[in-house]
Amino acid sequence: MNQPGMTAAAKVLSVGEVAARSGVAVSTVHFYERKGLIAASRSGGNQRRYARAVLRRIAIIKVAQQLGISLAEIRDHLAALPAERNPAKADWAVIADGWRSDLDRRIGQLVRLRDTLDGCIGCGCLSIETCPLRNPEDKAAAQGAGARYLEPAPGDP
């Protein structure tokens, strides 16, 4: 946000200011930069300086991580945002649309997991591949590797 009378120096933040304002550690700010999630410029004294828009990006990163979205996916989606300013509603809509189908898929997987947990006798093996109750004689092996009963069928959300 540009405020009247704000100097160019006041429009950028140090790494400590970014950490304090965003609620993450300085090391996390550096980590996000190394991963290509945020960017900094350098001052004349070679110190990192961040545009204020980085605060919104870090907020998005934190929320996306809480939703279980990988840093690689977050980076790919953030690449569509303007680097020099805070994202506008339309910018955010592009990201939200991109995540919506993935979140719907994950929700479907979680519902299937929740609904099939009661089929386990509680032995702790959690082996769908060899469990005589869920997969007698390992019939699911013909369908491929992994938790076949928990993955959506083709065409399912």
C-alpha atoms as a PDB file:
ATOM      1  CA  MET A   1       0.000   0.000   0.000  1.00  0.00           C
ATOM      2  CA  ASN A   2       1.486   3.329  -1.010  1.00  0.00           C
ATOM      3  CA  GLN A   3       0.929   5.965   1.592  1.00  0.00           C
ATOM      4  CA  PRO A   4       1.318   9.681   0.825  1.00  0.00           C
ATOM      5  CA  GLY A   5       4.685  10.973   1.934  1.00  0.00           C
ATOM      6  CA  MET A   6       6.187   7.473   2.225  1.00  0.00           C
ATOM      7  CA  THR A   7       9.831   7.497   1.123  1.00  0.00           C
ATOM      8  CA  ALA A   8      11.264   4.848  -1.172  1.00  0.00           C
ATOM      9  CA  ALA A   9      13.251   3.436   1.756  1.00  0.00           C
ATOM     10  CA  ALA A  10      10.069   3.068   3.823  1.00  0.00           C
ATOM     11  CA  LYS A  11       8.414   1.033   1.044  1.00  0.00           C
ATOM     12  CA  VAL A  12      10.802  -1.862   1.623  1.00  0.00           C
ATOM     13  CA  LEU A  13      11.311  -4.031   4.668  1.00  0.00           C
ATOM     14  CA  SER A  14      14.363  -5.656   6.219  1.00  0.00           C
ATOM     15  CA  VAL A  15      14.332  -9.398   6.822  1.00  0.00           C
ATOM     16  CA  GLY A  16      13.729  -8.763  10.526  1.00  0.00           C
ATOM     17  CA  GLU A  17      10.757  -6.518   9.774  1.00  0.00           C
ATOM     18  CA  VAL A  18       9.294  -9.118   7.411  1.00  0.00           C
ATOM     19  CA  ALA A  19       9.703 -11.824  10.046  1.00  0.00           C
ATOM     20  CA  ALA A  20       8.106  -9.701  12.771  1.00  0.00           C
ATOM     21  CA  ARG A  21       5.193  -8.555  10.593  1.00  0.00           C
ATOM     22  CA  SER A  22       4.483 -11.992   9.099  1.00  0.00           C
ATOM     23  CA  GLY A  23       4.916 -14.041  12.265  1.00  0.00           C
ATOM     24  CA  VAL A  24       7.602 -16.345  10.890  1.00  0.00           C
ATOM     25  CA  ALA A  25      11.232 -16.703  11.883  1.00  0.00           C
ATOM     26  CA  VAL A  26      13.992 -14.919   9.969  1.00  0.00           C
ATOM     27  CA  SER A  27      15.275 -18.365   8.957  1.00  0.00           C
ATOM     28  CA  THR A  28      11.845 -19.117   7.456  1.00  0.00           C
ATOM     29  CA  VAL A  29      11.949 -15.909   5.415  1.00  0.00           C
ATOM     30  CA  HIS A  30      15.376 -16.964   4.091  1.00  0.00           C
ATOM     31  CA  PHE A  31      14.063 -20.496   3.426  1.00  0.00           C
ATOM     32  CA  TYR A  32      11.101 -19.158   1.431  1.00  0.00           C
ATOM     33  CA  GLU A  33      13.514 -17.027  -0.576  1.00  0.00           C
ATOM     34  CA  ARG A  34      15.813 -19.998  -1.298  1.00  0.00           C
ATOM     35  CA  LYS A  35      12.784 -22.007  -2.451  1.00  0.00           C
ATOM     36  CA  GLY A  36      11.748 -19.252  -4.871  1.00  0.00           C
ATOM     37  CA  LEU A  37       8.526 -18.418  -3.012  1.00  0.00           C
ATOM     38  CA  ILE A  38       9.525 -14.811  -2.310  1.00  0.00           C
ATOM     39  CA  ALA A  39      12.221 -12.505  -3.618  1.00  0.00           C
ATOM     40  CA  ALA A  40      14.406  -9.792  -2.157  1.00  0.00           C
ATOM     41  CA  SER A  41      16.565  -7.061  -3.556  1.00  0.00           C
ATOM     42  CA  ARG A  42      19.847  -5.936  -2.034  1.00  0.00           C
ATOM     43  CA  SER A  43      20.653  -2.606  -0.461  1.00  0.00           C
ATOM     44  CA  GLY A  44      23.888  -0.716  -1.064  1.00  0.00           C
ATOM     45  CA  GLY A  45      25.261  -2.486   2.011  1.00  0.00           C
ATOM     46  CA  ASN A  46      24.243  -5.875   0.514  1.00  0.00           C
ATOM     47  CA  GLN A  47      21.357  -6.360   2.968  1.00  0.00           C
ATOM     48  CA  ARG A  48      18.144  -8.051   1.878  1.00  0.00           C
ATOM     49  CA  ARG A  49      15.213  -5.724   1.277  1.00  0.00           C
ATOM     50  CA  TYR A  50      11.694  -6.948   0.629  1.00  0.00           C
ATOM     51  CA  ALA A  51       8.764  -5.195  -0.998  1.00  0.00           C
ATOM     52  CA  ARG A  52       5.757  -4.890   1.309  1.00  0.00           C
ATOM     53  CA  ALA A  53       3.861  -7.227  -1.037  1.00  0.00           C
ATOM     54  CA  VAL A  54       5.965 -10.078   0.356  1.00  0.00           C
ATOM     55  CA  LEU A  55       3.849  -9.983   3.528  1.00  0.00           C
ATOM     56  CA  ARG A  56       0.752 -11.055   1.561  1.00  0.00           C
ATOM     57  CA  ARG A  57       2.751 -13.789  -0.165  1.00  0.00           C
ATOM     58  CA  ILE A  58       3.926 -15.164   3.171  1.00  0.00           C
ATOM     59  CA  ALA A  59       0.339 -15.144   4.454  1.00  0.00           C
ATOM     60  CA  ILE A  60      -0.709 -17.149   1.389  1.00  0.00           C
ATOM     61  CA  ILE A  61       2.193 -19.573   1.892  1.00  0.00           C
ATOM     62  CA  LYS A  62       1.248 -20.148   5.532  1.00  0.00           C
ATOM     63  CA  VAL A  63      -2.421 -20.816   4.728  1.00  0.00           C
ATOM     64  CA  ALA A  64      -1.545 -23.093   1.801  1.00  0.00           C
ATOM     65  CA  GLN A  65       0.871 -25.098   3.965  1.00  0.00           C
ATOM     66  CA  GLN A  66      -1.862 -25.549   6.581  1.00  0.00           C
ATOM     67  CA  LEU A  67      -4.050 -26.985   3.820  1.00  0.00           C
ATOM     68  CA  GLY A  68      -1.330 -29.495   2.957  1.00  0.00           C
ATOM     69  CA  ILE A  69      -0.288 -27.900  -0.327  1.00  0.00           C
ATOM     70  CA  SER A  70       3.354 -28.597  -1.143  1.00  0.00           C
ATOM     71  CA  LEU A  71       5.900 -25.801  -1.402  1.00  0.00           C
ATOM     72  CA  ALA A  72       6.468 -26.691  -5.059  1.00  0.00           C
ATOM     73  CA  GLU A  73       2.756 -26.230  -5.807  1.00  0.00           C
ATOM     74  CA  ILE A  74       2.680 -22.999  -3.812  1.00  0.00           C
ATOM     75  CA  ARG A  75       5.693 -21.680  -5.748  1.00  0.00           C
ATOM     76  CA  ASP A  76       4.081 -22.546  -9.078  1.00  0.00           C
ATOM     77  CA  HIS A  77       0.878 -20.718  -8.170  1.00  0.00           C
ATOM     78  CA  LEU A  78       2.660 -17.707  -6.674  1.00  0.00           C
ATOM     79  CA  ALA A  79       4.571 -17.315  -9.936  1.00  0.00           C
ATOM     80  CA  ALA A  80       1.298 -16.099 -11.470  1.00  0.00           C
ATOM     81  CA  LEU A  81       1.029 -13.232  -8.975  1.00  0.00           C
ATOM     82  CA  PRO A  82       2.470  -9.782  -9.603  1.00  0.00           C
ATOM     83  CA  ALA A  83       5.755  -9.477  -7.674  1.00  0.00           C
ATOM     84  CA  GLU A  84       5.665  -5.708  -7.263  1.00  0.00           C
ATOM     85  CA  ARG A  85       2.295  -5.346  -5.535  1.00  0.00           C
ATOM     86  CA  ASN A  86      -0.191  -7.132  -3.334  1.00  0.00           C
ATOM     87  CA  PRO A  87      -2.403  -9.533  -5.248  1.00  0.00           C
ATOM     88  CA  ALA A  88      -5.818  -8.168  -6.123  1.00  0.00           C
ATOM     89  CA  LYS A  89      -9.060 -10.131  -5.840  1.00  0.00           C
ATOM     90  CA  ALA A  90      -8.760 -11.264  -9.468  1.00  0.00           C
ATOM     91  CA  ASP A  91      -5.170 -12.432  -8.875  1.00  0.00           C
ATOM     92  CA  TRP A  92      -6.275 -14.458  -5.867  1.00  0.00           C
ATOM     93  CA  ALA A  93      -9.203 -15.959  -7.834  1.00  0.00           C
ATOM     94  CA  VAL A  94      -6.727 -17.504 -10.301  1.00  0.00           C
ATOM     95  CA  ILE A  95      -4.845 -19.213  -7.468  1.00  0.00           C
ATOM     96  CA  ALA A  96      -8.029 -20.299  -5.678  1.00  0.00           C
ATOM     97  CA  ASP A  97      -9.400 -21.881  -8.850  1.00  0.00           C
ATOM     98  CA  GLY A  98      -6.141 -23.760  -9.310  1.00  0.00           C
ATOM     99  CA  TRP A  99      -6.256 -25.185  -5.791  1.00  0.00           C
ATOM    100  CA  ARG A 100      -9.980 -25.895  -5.652  1.00  0.00           C
ATOM    101  CA  SER A 101      -9.946 -29.143  -7.668  1.00  0.00           C
ATOM    102  CA  ASP A 102      -6.938 -30.454  -5.761  1.00  0.00           C
ATOM    103  CA  LEU A 103      -8.579 -29.660  -2.425  1.00  0.00           C
ATOM    104  CA  ASP A 104     -11.809 -31.353  -3.577  1.00  0.00           C
ATOM    105  CA  ARG A 105      -9.766 -34.464  -4.486  1.00  0.00           C
ATOM    106  CA  ARG A 106      -8.058 -34.448  -1.083  1.00  0.00           C
ATOM    107  CA  ILE A 107     -11.375 -34.016   0.716  1.00  0.00           C
ATOM    108  CA  GLY A 108     -12.733 -37.032  -1.180  1.00  0.00           C
ATOM    109  CA  GLN A 109      -9.717 -39.095  -0.135  1.00  0.00           C
ATOM    110  CA  LEU A 110     -10.138 -38.064   3.502  1.00  0.00           C
ATOM    111  CA  VAL A 111     -13.839 -38.937   3.462  1.00  0.00           C
ATOM    112  CA  ARG A 112     -13.068 -42.380   1.984  1.00  0.00           C
ATOM    113  CA  LEU A 113     -10.362 -42.916   4.600  1.00  0.00           C
ATOM    114  CA  ARG A 114     -12.719 -41.872   7.412  1.00  0.00           C
ATOM    115  CA  ASP A 115     -15.490 -44.122   6.115  1.00  0.00           C
ATOM    116  CA  THR A 116     -13.258 -47.190   5.768  1.00  0.00           C
ATOM    117  CA  LEU A 117     -11.370 -46.961   9.057  1.00  0.00           C
ATOM    118  CA  ASP A 118     -14.072 -48.878  10.902  1.00  0.00           C
ATOM    119  CA  GLY A 119     -13.292 -51.946   8.756  1.00  0.00           C
ATOM    120  CA  CYS A 120      -9.973 -52.323  10.530  1.00  0.00           C
ATOM    121  CA  ILE A 121      -9.877 -54.589  13.579  1.00  0.00           C
ATOM    122  CA  GLY A 122      -7.367 -52.297  15.226  1.00  0.00           C
ATOM    123  CA  CYS A 123      -4.342 -54.569  14.973  1.00  0.00           C
ATOM    124  CA  GLY A 124      -2.232 -51.632  13.889  1.00  0.00           C
ATOM    125  CA  CYS A 125      -0.869 -53.149  10.690  1.00  0.00           C
ATOM    126  CA  LEU A 126      -2.768 -50.698   8.454  1.00  0.00           C
ATOM    127  CA  SER A 127      -1.613 -52.821   5.531  1.00  0.00           C
ATOM    128  CA  ILE A 128      -4.271 -52.643   2.882  1.00  0.00           C
ATOM    129  CA  GLU A 129      -2.040 -54.696   0.614  1.00  0.00           C
ATOM    130  CA  THR A 130      -2.015 -57.827   2.784  1.00  0.00           C
ATOM    131  CA  CYS A 131      -4.917 -57.391   5.232  1.00  0.00           C
ATOM    132  CA  PRO A 132      -7.168 -60.465   5.009  1.00  0.00           C
ATOM    133  CA  LEU A 133     -10.202 -58.329   5.879  1.00  0.00           C
ATOM    134  CA  ARG A 134      -9.724 -55.533   3.326  1.00  0.00           C
ATOM    135  CA  ASN A 135      -7.764 -57.348   0.633  1.00  0.00           C
ATOM    136  CA  PRO A 136      -8.102 -61.130   0.872  1.00  0.00           C
ATOM    137  CA  GLU A 137      -5.462 -63.004  -1.119  1.00  0.00           C
ATOM    138  CA  ASP A 138      -3.965 -59.641  -2.161  1.00  0.00           C
ATOM    139  CA  LYS A 139      -6.491 -59.153  -4.982  1.00  0.00           C
ATOM    140  CA  ALA A 140      -5.760 -55.421  -5.082  1.00  0.00           C
ATOM    141  CA  ALA A 141      -2.208 -56.119  -6.289  1.00  0.00           C
ATOM    142  CA  ALA A 142      -3.586 -56.545  -9.798  1.00  0.00           C
ATOM    143  CA  GLN A 143      -4.724 -52.907  -9.676  1.00  0.00           C
ATOM    144  CA  GLY A 144      -1.223 -51.604  -8.989  1.00  0.00           C
ATOM    145  CA  ALA A 145       0.828 -50.376  -6.056  1.00  0.00           C
ATOM    146  CA  GLY A 146      -0.475 -48.264  -3.232  1.00  0.00           C
ATOM    147  CA  ALA A 147      -3.635 -47.971  -1.190  1.00  0.00           C
ATOM    148  CA  ARG A 148      -6.023 -48.967  -3.982  1.00  0.00           C
ATOM    149  CA  TYR A 149      -9.194 -48.878  -1.884  1.00  0.00           C
ATOM    150  CA  LEU A 150      -8.578 -45.323  -0.712  1.00  0.00           C
ATOM    151  CA  GLU A 151      -7.678 -43.802  -4.062  1.00  0.00           C
ATOM    152  CA  PRO A 152     -10.530 -42.421  -6.140  1.00  0.00           C
ATOM    153  CA  ALA A 153     -11.742 -44.407  -9.088  1.00  0.00           C
ATOM    154  CA  PRO A 154     -11.163 -42.731 -12.469  1.00  0.00           C
ATOM    155  CA  GLY A 155     -13.688 -39.948 -12.844  1.00  0.00           C
ATOM    156  CA  ASP A 156     -14.328 -39.608  -9.079  1.00  0.00           C
ATOM    157  CA  PRO A 157     -13.519 -36.272  -7.406  1.00  0.00           C
END
